[in-house]
Amino acid sequence: MSGEQITNNSVETQNYEGELHSSKNSTKRVDINTLLNKVRANQKKEKLESTIFFSLVAAIIVVTGIIISI
């Protein structure tokens, strides 16, 4: 154990947009609607990605079946 002490109590974090904030000075309120919109947009993106993935898998299965039947 060393005898060093941490004198800086503020913690810096990086928010979603990449801006640097200090938790000691941040008294901003969080808008729940903004957070819900971000979650909904993320869920919509994930749903689209999974739909595209399963569509590609289904297309590969169909093409393989056609090739085998020829």
N, C-alpha and C. Protein backbone atom coordinates (compact mmCIF):
# COMPACT_ATOMS: atom_id res chain seq x y z
N MET A 1 0.83 -1.18 0.00
CA MET A 1 0.00 0.00 0.00
C MET A 1 0.87 1.24 0.00
N SER A 2 0.50 2.17 -0.81
CA SER A 2 1.27 3.41 -0.86
C SER A 2 0.56 4.47 -0.03
N GLY A 3 1.27 5.50 0.27
CA GLY A 3 0.74 6.58 1.09
C GLY A 3 0.10 7.68 0.27
N GLU A 4 -0.13 7.42 -1.00
CA GLU A 4 -0.70 8.45 -1.86
C GLU A 4 -2.18 8.62 -1.58
N GLN A 5 -2.63 9.84 -1.71
CA GLN A 5 -4.06 10.13 -1.56
C GLN A 5 -4.58 10.75 -2.84
N ILE A 6 -5.79 10.39 -3.18
CA ILE A 6 -6.42 10.98 -4.36
C ILE A 6 -7.14 12.24 -3.91
N THR A 7 -6.75 13.37 -4.46
CA THR A 7 -7.34 14.64 -4.04
C THR A 7 -8.42 15.13 -4.98
N ASN A 8 -8.46 14.61 -6.19
CA ASN A 8 -9.45 15.02 -7.17
C ASN A 8 -10.66 14.10 -7.04
N ASN A 9 -11.77 14.63 -6.53
CA ASN A 9 -12.96 13.82 -6.29
C ASN A 9 -13.93 13.83 -7.47
N SER A 10 -13.73 14.70 -8.44
CA SER A 10 -14.66 14.74 -9.56
C SER A 10 -14.35 13.62 -10.54
N VAL A 11 -15.40 13.07 -11.10
CA VAL A 11 -15.27 11.97 -12.05
C VAL A 11 -15.73 12.47 -13.40
N GLU A 12 -14.89 12.27 -14.40
CA GLU A 12 -15.25 12.68 -15.74
C GLU A 12 -15.77 11.49 -16.51
N THR A 13 -16.90 11.68 -17.18
CA THR A 13 -17.48 10.61 -17.98
C THR A 13 -17.74 11.14 -19.38
N GLN A 14 -17.92 10.22 -20.28
CA GLN A 14 -18.19 10.58 -21.66
C GLN A 14 -19.62 10.17 -21.97
N ASN A 15 -20.42 11.11 -22.48
CA ASN A 15 -21.82 10.80 -22.75
C ASN A 15 -21.98 10.18 -24.12
N TYR A 16 -23.22 9.96 -24.52
CA TYR A 16 -23.55 9.25 -25.75
C TYR A 16 -22.97 9.94 -26.98
N GLU A 17 -22.93 11.26 -27.00
CA GLU A 17 -22.43 11.99 -28.16
C GLU A 17 -20.91 12.15 -28.12
N GLY A 18 -20.26 11.71 -27.07
CA GLY A 18 -18.81 11.77 -26.99
C GLY A 18 -18.29 13.01 -26.29
N GLU A 19 -19.18 13.80 -25.70
CA GLU A 19 -18.75 15.00 -25.00
C GLU A 19 -18.31 14.62 -23.59
N LEU A 20 -17.35 15.35 -23.07
CA LEU A 20 -16.81 15.06 -21.76
C LEU A 20 -17.56 15.88 -20.72
N HIS A 21 -18.02 15.23 -19.65
CA HIS A 21 -18.76 15.91 -18.60
C HIS A 21 -18.15 15.55 -17.25
N SER A 22 -18.29 16.45 -16.32
CA SER A 22 -17.85 16.21 -14.96
C SER A 22 -19.08 15.94 -14.11
N SER A 23 -19.06 14.84 -13.34
CA SER A 23 -20.23 14.49 -12.54
C SER A 23 -20.42 15.44 -11.37
N LYS A 24 -19.40 16.18 -11.01
CA LYS A 24 -19.50 17.12 -9.92
C LYS A 24 -20.33 18.34 -10.31
N ASN A 25 -20.21 18.77 -11.56
CA ASN A 25 -20.88 19.98 -12.01
C ASN A 25 -22.14 19.72 -12.82
N SER A 26 -22.45 18.48 -13.12
CA SER A 26 -23.60 18.22 -13.97
C SER A 26 -24.87 18.15 -13.14
N THR A 27 -25.76 19.10 -13.39
CA THR A 27 -27.05 19.12 -12.72
C THR A 27 -28.16 19.08 -13.76
N LYS A 28 -27.84 18.64 -14.97
CA LYS A 28 -28.83 18.54 -16.03
C LYS A 28 -29.86 17.49 -15.68
N ARG A 29 -31.08 17.72 -16.13
CA ARG A 29 -32.13 16.73 -15.96
C ARG A 29 -32.15 15.83 -17.18
N VAL A 30 -32.54 14.60 -16.97
CA VAL A 30 -32.60 13.64 -18.05
C VAL A 30 -34.05 13.58 -18.53
N ASP A 31 -34.23 13.74 -19.83
CA ASP A 31 -35.57 13.67 -20.40
C ASP A 31 -35.87 12.22 -20.73
N ILE A 32 -36.90 11.68 -20.10
CA ILE A 32 -37.25 10.28 -20.27
C ILE A 32 -37.69 10.00 -21.70
N ASN A 33 -38.31 10.96 -22.35
CA ASN A 33 -38.75 10.77 -23.74
C ASN A 33 -37.56 10.59 -24.68
N THR A 34 -36.50 11.32 -24.44
CA THR A 34 -35.29 11.18 -25.24
C THR A 34 -34.69 9.79 -25.07
N LEU A 35 -34.64 9.33 -23.83
CA LEU A 35 -34.10 8.00 -23.57
C LEU A 35 -34.96 6.92 -24.20
N LEU A 36 -36.28 7.06 -24.10
CA LEU A 36 -37.18 6.08 -24.71
C LEU A 36 -37.05 6.08 -26.22
N ASN A 37 -36.88 7.24 -26.82
CA ASN A 37 -36.70 7.31 -28.27
C ASN A 37 -35.41 6.62 -28.70
N LYS A 38 -34.35 6.77 -27.92
CA LYS A 38 -33.09 6.10 -28.24
C LYS A 38 -33.25 4.58 -28.15
N VAL A 39 -33.96 4.12 -27.11
CA VAL A 39 -34.17 2.68 -26.94
C VAL A 39 -35.02 2.14 -28.08
N ARG A 40 -36.08 2.86 -28.44
CA ARG A 40 -36.94 2.42 -29.54
C ARG A 40 -36.18 2.37 -30.86
N ALA A 41 -35.34 3.37 -31.10
CA ALA A 41 -34.55 3.38 -32.34
C ALA A 41 -33.58 2.21 -32.37
N ASN A 42 -32.98 1.90 -31.23
CA ASN A 42 -32.06 0.78 -31.14
C ASN A 42 -32.79 -0.54 -31.37
N GLN A 43 -33.98 -0.69 -30.78
CA GLN A 43 -34.77 -1.91 -30.97
C GLN A 43 -35.19 -2.06 -32.43
N LYS A 44 -35.56 -0.95 -33.07
CA LYS A 44 -35.97 -0.99 -34.47
C LYS A 44 -34.79 -1.43 -35.35
N LYS A 45 -33.60 -0.91 -35.04
CA LYS A 45 -32.41 -1.27 -35.79
C LYS A 45 -32.09 -2.76 -35.62
N GLU A 46 -32.18 -3.25 -34.39
CA GLU A 46 -31.91 -4.67 -34.14
C GLU A 46 -32.93 -5.56 -34.84
N LYS A 47 -34.19 -5.14 -34.87
CA LYS A 47 -35.23 -5.92 -35.54
C LYS A 47 -34.96 -5.98 -37.04
N LEU A 48 -34.57 -4.85 -37.62
CA LEU A 48 -34.25 -4.81 -39.04
C LEU A 48 -33.07 -5.72 -39.36
N GLU A 49 -32.04 -5.68 -38.53
CA GLU A 49 -30.86 -6.52 -38.75
C GLU A 49 -31.21 -8.00 -38.66
N SER A 50 -32.03 -8.37 -37.69
CA SER A 50 -32.39 -9.78 -37.55
C SER A 50 -33.29 -10.22 -38.71
N THR A 51 -34.17 -9.34 -39.18
CA THR A 51 -35.02 -9.68 -40.32
C THR A 51 -34.19 -9.90 -41.57
N ILE A 52 -33.22 -9.04 -41.80
CA ILE A 52 -32.34 -9.19 -42.96
C ILE A 52 -31.54 -10.48 -42.85
N PHE A 53 -31.03 -10.79 -41.66
CA PHE A 53 -30.24 -12.01 -41.46
C PHE A 53 -31.08 -13.25 -41.76
N PHE A 54 -32.29 -13.32 -41.19
CA PHE A 54 -33.13 -14.50 -41.43
C PHE A 54 -33.60 -14.59 -42.87
N SER A 55 -33.79 -13.44 -43.52
CA SER A 55 -34.15 -13.45 -44.94
C SER A 55 -33.01 -14.01 -45.78
N LEU A 56 -31.79 -13.63 -45.47
CA LEU A 56 -30.65 -14.16 -46.20
C LEU A 56 -30.48 -15.66 -45.98
N VAL A 57 -30.70 -16.12 -44.76
CA VAL A 57 -30.61 -17.55 -44.47
C VAL A 57 -31.68 -18.30 -45.25
N ALA A 58 -32.91 -17.77 -45.27
CA ALA A 58 -34.00 -18.41 -46.01
C ALA A 58 -33.69 -18.43 -47.50
N ALA A 59 -33.14 -17.35 -48.04
CA ALA A 59 -32.79 -17.30 -49.46
C ALA A 59 -31.71 -18.33 -49.80
N ILE A 60 -30.74 -18.49 -48.93
CA ILE A 60 -29.68 -19.49 -49.15
C ILE A 60 -30.27 -20.89 -49.16
N ILE A 61 -31.19 -21.15 -48.24
CA ILE A 61 -31.83 -22.48 -48.19
C ILE A 61 -32.63 -22.74 -49.46
N VAL A 62 -33.37 -21.73 -49.93
CA VAL A 62 -34.16 -21.90 -51.16
C VAL A 62 -33.26 -22.12 -52.36
N VAL A 63 -32.20 -21.33 -52.49
CA VAL A 63 -31.28 -21.47 -53.63
C VAL A 63 -30.60 -22.83 -53.58
N THR A 64 -30.20 -23.28 -52.41
CA THR A 64 -29.58 -24.59 -52.28
C THR A 64 -30.56 -25.69 -52.68
N GLY A 65 -31.82 -25.57 -52.26
CA GLY A 65 -32.83 -26.55 -52.64
C GLY A 65 -33.07 -26.60 -54.14
N ILE A 66 -33.07 -25.43 -54.78
CA ILE A 66 -33.26 -25.39 -56.24
C ILE A 66 -32.08 -26.02 -56.94
N ILE A 67 -30.87 -25.73 -56.47
CA ILE A 67 -29.68 -26.30 -57.11
C ILE A 67 -29.65 -27.81 -56.95
N ILE A 68 -30.03 -28.31 -55.79
CA ILE A 68 -30.02 -29.76 -55.54
C ILE A 68 -31.07 -30.45 -56.41
N SER A 69 -32.20 -29.82 -56.63
CA SER A 69 -33.29 -30.46 -57.38
C SER A 69 -33.02 -30.49 -58.88
N ILE A 70 -32.09 -29.72 -59.38
CA ILE A 70 -31.79 -29.69 -60.81
C ILE A 70 -31.01 -30.89 -61.22
